PDB file of all heavy atoms in Angstrom:
ATOM      1  N   ALA A   1      -2.498   6.420  14.035  1.00  0.00           N
ATOM      2  CA  ALA A   1      -3.213   6.286  12.759  1.00  0.00           C
ATOM      3  C   ALA A   1      -2.548   5.227  11.892  1.00  0.00           C
ATOM      4  O   ALA A   1      -3.220   4.374  11.291  1.00  0.00           O
ATOM      5  CB  ALA A   1      -3.248   7.631  12.038  1.00  0.00           C
ATOM      6  N   ARG A   2      -1.228   5.258  11.825  1.00  0.00           N
ATOM      7  CA  ARG A   2      -0.474   4.291  11.020  1.00  0.00           C
ATOM      8  C   ARG A   2      -0.647   2.877  11.577  1.00  0.00           C
ATOM      9  O   ARG A   2      -0.778   1.908  10.811  1.00  0.00           O
ATOM     10  CB  ARG A   2       0.995   4.694  10.968  1.00  0.00           C
ATOM     11  CG  ARG A   2       1.842   3.859  10.046  1.00  0.00           C
ATOM     12  CD  ARG A   2       3.203   4.501   9.758  1.00  0.00           C
ATOM     13  NE  ARG A   2       3.848   5.072  10.925  1.00  0.00           N
ATOM     14  CZ  ARG A   2       4.686   4.407  11.709  1.00  0.00           C
ATOM     15  NH1 ARG A   2       4.987   3.156  11.457  1.00  0.00           N
ATOM     16  NH2 ARG A   2       5.245   5.004  12.738  1.00  0.00           N
ATOM     17  N   LEU A   3      -0.657   2.748  12.910  1.00  0.00           N
ATOM     18  CA  LEU A   3      -0.880   1.442  13.527  1.00  0.00           C
ATOM     19  C   LEU A   3      -2.245   0.888  13.124  1.00  0.00           C
ATOM     20  O   LEU A   3      -2.360  -0.273  12.723  1.00  0.00           O
ATOM     21  CB  LEU A   3      -0.777   1.552  15.052  1.00  0.00           C
ATOM     22  CG  LEU A   3      -1.093   0.277  15.834  1.00  0.00           C
ATOM     23  CD1 LEU A   3      -0.071  -0.809  15.519  1.00  0.00           C
ATOM     24  CD2 LEU A   3      -1.143   0.575  17.315  1.00  0.00           C
ATOM     25  N   PHE A   4      -3.291   1.731  13.217  1.00  0.00           N
ATOM     26  CA  PHE A   4      -4.625   1.284  12.806  1.00  0.00           C
ATOM     27  C   PHE A   4      -4.634   0.872  11.332  1.00  0.00           C
ATOM     28  O   PHE A   4      -5.222  -0.151  10.973  1.00  0.00           O
ATOM     29  CB  PHE A   4      -5.676   2.376  13.039  1.00  0.00           C
ATOM     30  CG  PHE A   4      -6.196   2.450  14.445  1.00  0.00           C
ATOM     31  CD1 PHE A   4      -6.216   3.670  15.114  1.00  0.00           C
ATOM     32  CD2 PHE A   4      -6.712   1.339  15.091  1.00  0.00           C
ATOM     33  CE1 PHE A   4      -6.721   3.762  16.412  1.00  0.00           C
ATOM     34  CE2 PHE A   4      -7.221   1.423  16.374  1.00  0.00           C
ATOM     35  CZ  PHE A   4      -7.219   2.633  17.040  1.00  0.00           C
ATOM     36  N   LYS A   5      -3.986   1.661  10.461  1.00  0.00           N
ATOM     37  CA  LYS A   5      -3.957   1.333   9.032  1.00  0.00           C
ATOM     38  C   LYS A   5      -3.239   0.014   8.782  1.00  0.00           C
ATOM     39  O   LYS A   5      -3.681  -0.797   7.964  1.00  0.00           O
ATOM     40  CB  LYS A   5      -3.266   2.444   8.237  1.00  0.00           C
ATOM     41  CG  LYS A   5      -4.144   3.615   7.926  1.00  0.00           C
ATOM     42  CD  LYS A   5      -3.400   4.613   7.063  1.00  0.00           C
ATOM     43  CE  LYS A   5      -4.226   5.871   6.894  1.00  0.00           C
ATOM     44  NZ  LYS A   5      -3.490   6.926   6.192  1.00  0.00           N
ATOM     45  N   ALA A   6      -2.127  -0.190   9.460  1.00  0.00           N
ATOM     46  CA  ALA A   6      -1.358  -1.416   9.268  1.00  0.00           C
ATOM     47  C   ALA A   6      -2.166  -2.643   9.684  1.00  0.00           C
ATOM     48  O   ALA A   6      -2.243  -3.630   8.944  1.00  0.00           O
ATOM     49  CB  ALA A   6      -0.049  -1.350  10.051  1.00  0.00           C
ATOM     50  N   ILE A   7      -2.790  -2.565  10.831  1.00  0.00           N
ATOM     51  CA  ILE A   7      -3.555  -3.722  11.303  1.00  0.00           C
ATOM     52  C   ILE A   7      -4.828  -3.887  10.481  1.00  0.00           C
ATOM     53  O   ILE A   7      -5.266  -5.016  10.232  1.00  0.00           O
ATOM     54  CB  ILE A   7      -3.791  -3.633  12.819  1.00  0.00           C
ATOM     55  CG1 ILE A   7      -2.429  -3.726  13.530  1.00  0.00           C
ATOM     56  CG2 ILE A   7      -4.737  -4.736  13.292  1.00  0.00           C
ATOM     57  CD1 ILE A   7      -2.460  -3.531  15.023  1.00  0.00           C
ATOM     58  N   ALA A   8      -5.388  -2.789   9.979  1.00  0.00           N
ATOM     59  CA  ALA A   8      -6.532  -2.888   9.063  1.00  0.00           C
ATOM     60  C   ALA A   8      -6.142  -3.692   7.831  1.00  0.00           C
ATOM     61  O   ALA A   8      -6.919  -4.514   7.333  1.00  0.00           O
ATOM     62  CB  ALA A   8      -7.030  -1.498   8.666  1.00  0.00           C
ATOM     63  N   TYR A   9      -4.923  -3.462   7.351  1.00  0.00           N
ATOM     64  CA  TYR A   9      -4.455  -4.221   6.196  1.00  0.00           C
ATOM     65  C   TYR A   9      -4.353  -5.712   6.533  1.00  0.00           C
ATOM     66  O   TYR A   9      -4.736  -6.571   5.725  1.00  0.00           O
ATOM     67  CB  TYR A   9      -3.118  -3.684   5.688  1.00  0.00           C
ATOM     68  CG  TYR A   9      -2.579  -4.494   4.544  1.00  0.00           C
ATOM     69  CD1 TYR A   9      -3.150  -4.411   3.275  1.00  0.00           C
ATOM     70  CD2 TYR A   9      -1.529  -5.383   4.730  1.00  0.00           C
ATOM     71  CE1 TYR A   9      -2.688  -5.178   2.223  1.00  0.00           C
ATOM     72  CE2 TYR A   9      -1.048  -6.153   3.676  1.00  0.00           C
ATOM     73  CZ  TYR A   9      -1.634  -6.046   2.436  1.00  0.00           C
ATOM     74  OH  TYR A   9      -1.173  -6.821   1.394  1.00  0.00           O
ATOM     75  N   ALA A  10      -3.852  -6.030   7.715  1.00  0.00           N
ATOM     76  CA  ALA A  10      -3.771  -7.440   8.123  1.00  0.00           C
ATOM     77  C   ALA A  10      -5.161  -8.071   8.155  1.00  0.00           C
ATOM     78  O   ALA A  10      -5.343  -9.213   7.706  1.00  0.00           O
ATOM     79  CB  ALA A  10      -3.102  -7.564   9.495  1.00  0.00           C
ATOM     80  N   GLU A  11      -6.138  -7.335   8.661  1.00  0.00           N
ATOM     81  CA  GLU A  11      -7.515  -7.847   8.694  1.00  0.00           C
ATOM     82  C   GLU A  11      -8.046  -8.050   7.273  1.00  0.00           C
ATOM     83  O   GLU A  11      -8.771  -9.003   6.995  1.00  0.00           O
ATOM     84  CB  GLU A  11      -8.430  -6.900   9.473  1.00  0.00           C
ATOM     85  CG  GLU A  11      -7.983  -6.583  10.890  1.00  0.00           C
ATOM     86  CD  GLU A  11      -7.850  -7.766  11.824  1.00  0.00           C
ATOM     87  OE1 GLU A  11      -8.189  -8.902  11.458  1.00  0.00           O
ATOM     88  OE2 GLU A  11      -7.404  -7.558  12.966  1.00  0.00           O
ATOM     89  N   GLN A  12      -7.647  -7.162   6.351  1.00  0.00           N
ATOM     90  CA  GLN A  12      -8.033  -7.308   4.949  1.00  0.00           C
ATOM     91  C   GLN A  12      -7.431  -8.585   4.369  1.00  0.00           C
ATOM     92  O   GLN A  12      -8.099  -9.307   3.619  1.00  0.00           O
ATOM     93  CB  GLN A  12      -7.572  -6.090   4.147  1.00  0.00           C
ATOM     94  CG  GLN A  12      -7.890  -6.174   2.663  1.00  0.00           C
ATOM     95  CD  GLN A  12      -7.328  -5.000   1.889  1.00  0.00           C
ATOM     96  OE1 GLN A  12      -6.858  -4.027   2.447  1.00  0.00           O
ATOM     97  NE2 GLN A  12      -7.372  -5.092   0.585  1.00  0.00           N
ATOM     98  N   VAL A  13      -6.191  -8.867   4.699  1.00  0.00           N
ATOM     99  CA  VAL A  13      -5.541 -10.102   4.225  1.00  0.00           C
ATOM    100  C   VAL A  13      -6.323 -11.312   4.731  1.00  0.00           C
ATOM    101  O   VAL A  13      -6.613 -12.241   3.972  1.00  0.00           O
ATOM    102  CB  VAL A  13      -4.066 -10.159   4.677  1.00  0.00           C
ATOM    103  CG1 VAL A  13      -3.460 -11.539   4.434  1.00  0.00           C
ATOM    104  CG2 VAL A  13      -3.249  -9.075   3.978  1.00  0.00           C
ATOM    105  N   HIS A  14      -6.696 -11.292   6.001  1.00  0.00           N
ATOM    106  CA  HIS A  14      -7.464 -12.411   6.559  1.00  0.00           C
ATOM    107  C   HIS A  14      -8.798 -12.568   5.830  1.00  0.00           C
ATOM    108  O   HIS A  14      -9.183 -13.686   5.455  1.00  0.00           O
ATOM    109  CB  HIS A  14      -7.734 -12.199   8.058  1.00  0.00           C
ATOM    110  CG  HIS A  14      -6.504 -12.027   8.867  1.00  0.00           C
ATOM    111  ND1 HIS A  14      -6.517 -11.338  10.063  1.00  0.00           N
ATOM    112  CD2 HIS A  14      -5.219 -12.410   8.679  1.00  0.00           C
ATOM    113  CE1 HIS A  14      -5.305 -11.322  10.572  1.00  0.00           C
ATOM    114  NE2 HIS A  14      -4.491 -11.972   9.743  1.00  0.00           N
ATOM    115  N   ALA A  15      -9.500 -11.456   5.630  1.00  0.00           N
ATOM    116  CA  ALA A  15     -10.802 -11.504   4.951  1.00  0.00           C
ATOM    117  C   ALA A  15     -10.640 -12.036   3.528  1.00  0.00           C
ATOM    118  O   ALA A  15     -11.442 -12.860   3.066  1.00  0.00           O
ATOM    119  CB  ALA A  15     -11.450 -10.120   4.943  1.00  0.00           C
ATOM    120  N   HIS A  16      -9.607 -11.583   2.837  1.00  0.00           N
ATOM    121  CA  HIS A  16      -9.365 -12.046   1.467  1.00  0.00           C
ATOM    122  C   HIS A  16      -9.114 -13.551   1.441  1.00  0.00           C
ATOM    123  O   HIS A  16      -9.657 -14.265   0.582  1.00  0.00           O
ATOM    124  CB  HIS A  16      -8.168 -11.291   0.870  1.00  0.00           C
ATOM    125  CG  HIS A  16      -7.886 -11.658  -0.546  1.00  0.00           C
ATOM    126  ND1 HIS A  16      -8.291 -10.892  -1.599  1.00  0.00           N
ATOM    127  CD2 HIS A  16      -7.244 -12.732  -1.079  1.00  0.00           C
ATOM    128  CE1 HIS A  16      -7.913 -11.471  -2.733  1.00  0.00           C
ATOM    129  NE2 HIS A  16      -7.270 -12.588  -2.442  1.00  0.00           N
ATOM    130  N   ASN A  17      -8.319 -14.044   2.369  1.00  0.00           N
ATOM    131  CA  ASN A  17      -8.055 -15.489   2.440  1.00  0.00           C
ATOM    132  C   ASN A  17      -9.343 -16.268   2.669  1.00  0.00           C
ATOM    133  O   ASN A  17      -9.583 -17.296   2.027  1.00  0.00           O
ATOM    134  CB  ASN A  17      -7.044 -15.795   3.547  1.00  0.00           C
ATOM    135  CG  ASN A  17      -5.650 -15.326   3.197  1.00  0.00           C
ATOM    136  OD1 ASN A  17      -5.321 -15.101   2.042  1.00  0.00           O
ATOM    137  ND2 ASN A  17      -4.824 -15.168   4.220  1.00  0.00           N
ATOM    138  N   HIS A  18     -10.176 -15.787   3.588  1.00  0.00           N
ATOM    139  CA  HIS A  18     -11.453 -16.467   3.857  1.00  0.00           C
ATOM    140  C   HIS A  18     -12.353 -16.430   2.625  1.00  0.00           C
ATOM    141  O   HIS A  18     -12.996 -17.424   2.270  1.00  0.00           O
ATOM    142  CB  HIS A  18     -12.169 -15.834   5.045  1.00  0.00           C
ATOM    143  CG  HIS A  18     -11.425 -15.915   6.347  1.00  0.00           C
ATOM    144  ND1 HIS A  18     -10.536 -16.922   6.669  1.00  0.00           N
ATOM    145  CD2 HIS A  18     -11.448 -15.093   7.428  1.00  0.00           C
ATOM    146  CE1 HIS A  18     -10.043 -16.718   7.880  1.00  0.00           C
ATOM    147  NE2 HIS A  18     -10.582 -15.611   8.365  1.00  0.00           N
ATOM    148  N   ALA A  19     -12.415 -15.261   1.960  1.00  0.00           N
ATOM    149  CA  ALA A  19     -13.263 -15.115   0.770  1.00  0.00           C
ATOM    150  C   ALA A  19     -12.823 -16.074  -0.338  1.00  0.00           C
ATOM    151  O   ALA A  19     -13.658 -16.681  -1.008  1.00  0.00           O
ATOM    152  CB  ALA A  19     -13.228 -13.670   0.277  1.00  0.00           C
ATOM    153  N   ARG A  20     -11.524 -16.200  -0.502  1.00  0.00           N
ATOM    154  CA  ARG A  20     -11.001 -17.118  -1.519  1.00  0.00           C
ATOM    155  C   ARG A  20     -11.420 -18.556  -1.205  1.00  0.00           C
ATOM    156  O   ARG A  20     -11.893 -19.280  -2.072  1.00  0.00           O
ATOM    157  CB  ARG A  20      -9.484 -16.996  -1.618  1.00  0.00           C
ATOM    158  CG  ARG A  20      -8.889 -17.827  -2.755  1.00  0.00           C
ATOM    159  CD  ARG A  20      -7.368 -17.738  -2.844  1.00  0.00           C
ATOM    160  NE  ARG A  20      -6.731 -18.164  -1.612  1.00  0.00           N
ATOM    161  CZ  ARG A  20      -6.057 -17.355  -0.772  1.00  0.00           C
ATOM    162  NH1 ARG A  20      -5.905 -16.081  -1.043  1.00  0.00           N
ATOM    163  NH2 ARG A  20      -5.524 -17.829   0.336  1.00  0.00           N
ATOM    164  N   GLU A  21     -11.265 -18.952   0.056  1.00  0.00           N
ATOM    165  CA  GLU A  21     -11.628 -20.323   0.440  1.00  0.00           C
ATOM    166  C   GLU A  21     -13.126 -20.576   0.321  1.00  0.00           C
ATOM    167  O   GLU A  21     -13.549 -21.691   0.038  1.00  0.00           O
ATOM    168  CB  GLU A  21     -11.158 -20.616   1.869  1.00  0.00           C
ATOM    169  CG  GLU A  21      -9.653 -20.672   2.020  1.00  0.00           C
ATOM    170  CD  GLU A  21      -8.997 -21.688   1.093  1.00  0.00           C
ATOM    171  OE1 GLU A  21      -9.542 -22.799   0.909  1.00  0.00           O
ATOM    172  OE2 GLU A  21      -7.931 -21.359   0.525  1.00  0.00           O
ATOM    173  N   LEU A  22     -13.926 -19.537   0.506  1.00  0.00           N
ATOM    174  CA  LEU A  22     -15.380 -19.670   0.398  1.00  0.00           C
ATOM    175  C   LEU A  22     -15.862 -19.617  -1.052  1.00  0.00           C
ATOM    176  O   LEU A  22     -17.040 -19.828  -1.316  1.00  0.00           O
ATOM    177  CB  LEU A  22     -16.067 -18.558   1.210  1.00  0.00           C
ATOM    178  CG  LEU A  22     -15.998 -18.734   2.717  1.00  0.00           C
ATOM    179  CD1 LEU A  22     -16.315 -17.423   3.426  1.00  0.00           C
ATOM    180  CD2 LEU A  22     -16.954 -19.844   3.162  1.00  0.00           C
ATOM    181  N   GLY A  23     -14.960 -19.332  -1.975  1.00  0.00           N
ATOM    182  CA  GLY A  23     -15.349 -19.262  -3.383  1.00  0.00           C
ATOM    183  C   GLY A  23     -16.017 -17.952  -3.763  1.00  0.00           C
ATOM    184  O   GLY A  23     -16.718 -17.878  -4.762  1.00  0.00           O
ATOM    185  N   TYR A  24     -15.800 -16.918  -2.976  1.00  0.00           N
ATOM    186  CA  TYR A  24     -16.404 -15.613  -3.247  1.00  0.00           C
ATOM    187  C   TYR A  24     -15.684 -14.858  -4.358  1.00  0.00           C
ATOM    188  O   TYR A  24     -16.196 -13.875  -4.862  1.00  0.00           O
ATOM    189  CB  TYR A  24     -16.383 -14.728  -2.004  1.00  0.00           C
ATOM    190  CG  TYR A  24     -17.268 -15.140  -0.866  1.00  0.00           C
ATOM    191  CD1 TYR A  24     -17.172 -14.483   0.351  1.00  0.00           C
ATOM    192  CD2 TYR A  24     -18.199 -16.161  -0.968  1.00  0.00           C
ATOM    193  CE1 TYR A  24     -17.984 -14.829   1.422  1.00  0.00           C
ATOM    194  CE2 TYR A  24     -19.003 -16.520   0.092  1.00  0.00           C
ATOM    195  CZ  TYR A  24     -18.890 -15.848   1.287  1.00  0.00           C
ATOM    196  OH  TYR A  24     -19.688 -16.181   2.351  1.00  0.00           O
ATOM    197  N   ILE A  25     -14.478 -15.280  -4.711  1.00  0.00           N
ATOM    198  CA  ILE A  25     -13.659 -14.540  -5.662  1.00  0.00           C
ATOM    199  C   ILE A  25     -13.504 -15.372  -6.925  1.00  0.00           C
ATOM    200  O   ILE A  25     -13.114 -16.536  -6.868  1.00  0.00           O
ATOM    201  CB  ILE A  25     -12.277 -14.220  -5.057  1.00  0.00           C
ATOM    202  CG1 ILE A  25     -12.437 -13.390  -3.788  1.00  0.00           C
ATOM    203  CG2 ILE A  25     -11.396 -13.503  -6.064  1.00  0.00           C
ATOM    204  CD1 ILE A  25     -11.173 -13.240  -2.970  1.00  0.00           C
ATOM    205  N   GLY A  26     -13.821 -14.754  -8.068  1.00  0.00           N
ATOM    206  CA  GLY A  26     -13.710 -15.453  -9.345  1.00  0.00           C
ATOM    207  C   GLY A  26     -12.987 -14.602 -10.360  1.00  0.00           C
ATOM    208  O   GLY A  26     -12.141 -13.779 -10.008  1.00  0.00           O
ATOM    209  N   THR A  27     -13.364 -14.754 -11.618  1.00  0.00           N
ATOM    210  CA  THR A  27     -12.815 -13.921 -12.679  1.00  0.00           C
ATOM    211  C   THR A  27     -13.402 -12.519 -12.541  1.00  0.00           C
ATOM    212  O   THR A  27     -14.382 -12.307 -11.810  1.00  0.00           O
ATOM    213  CB  THR A  27     -13.184 -14.472 -14.059  1.00  0.00           C
ATOM    214  OG1 THR A  27     -14.609 -14.367 -14.222  1.00  0.00           O
ATOM    215  CG2 THR A  27     -12.730 -15.922 -14.234  1.00  0.00           C
ATOM    216  N   THR A  28     -12.852 -11.576 -13.269  1.00  0.00           N
ATOM    217  CA  THR A  28     -13.389 -10.215 -13.221  1.00  0.00           C
ATOM    218  C   THR A  28     -14.856 -10.205 -13.631  1.00  0.00           C
ATOM    219  O   THR A  28     -15.684  -9.558 -12.968  1.00  0.00           O
ATOM    220  CB  THR A  28     -12.562  -9.271 -14.112  1.00  0.00           C
ATOM    221  OG1 THR A  28     -11.232  -9.220 -13.591  1.00  0.00           O
ATOM    222  CG2 THR A  28     -13.146  -7.876 -14.142  1.00  0.00           C
ATOM    223  N   ALA A  29     -15.203 -10.918 -14.688  1.00  0.00           N
ATOM    224  CA  ALA A  29     -16.602 -10.956 -15.129  1.00  0.00           C
ATOM    225  C   ALA A  29     -17.493 -11.551 -14.034  1.00  0.00           C
ATOM    226  O   ALA A  29     -18.581 -11.030 -13.747  1.00  0.00           O
ATOM    227  CB  ALA A  29     -16.741 -11.740 -16.425  1.00  0.00           C
TER     228      ALA A  29
END
């Protein structure tokens, strides 16, 4: 379970990096 959670977090980091580069992330508003 911990292994799955850890690697899930790594996948989240990858997705966040891609989203940032695609301009999907802005200000809170």
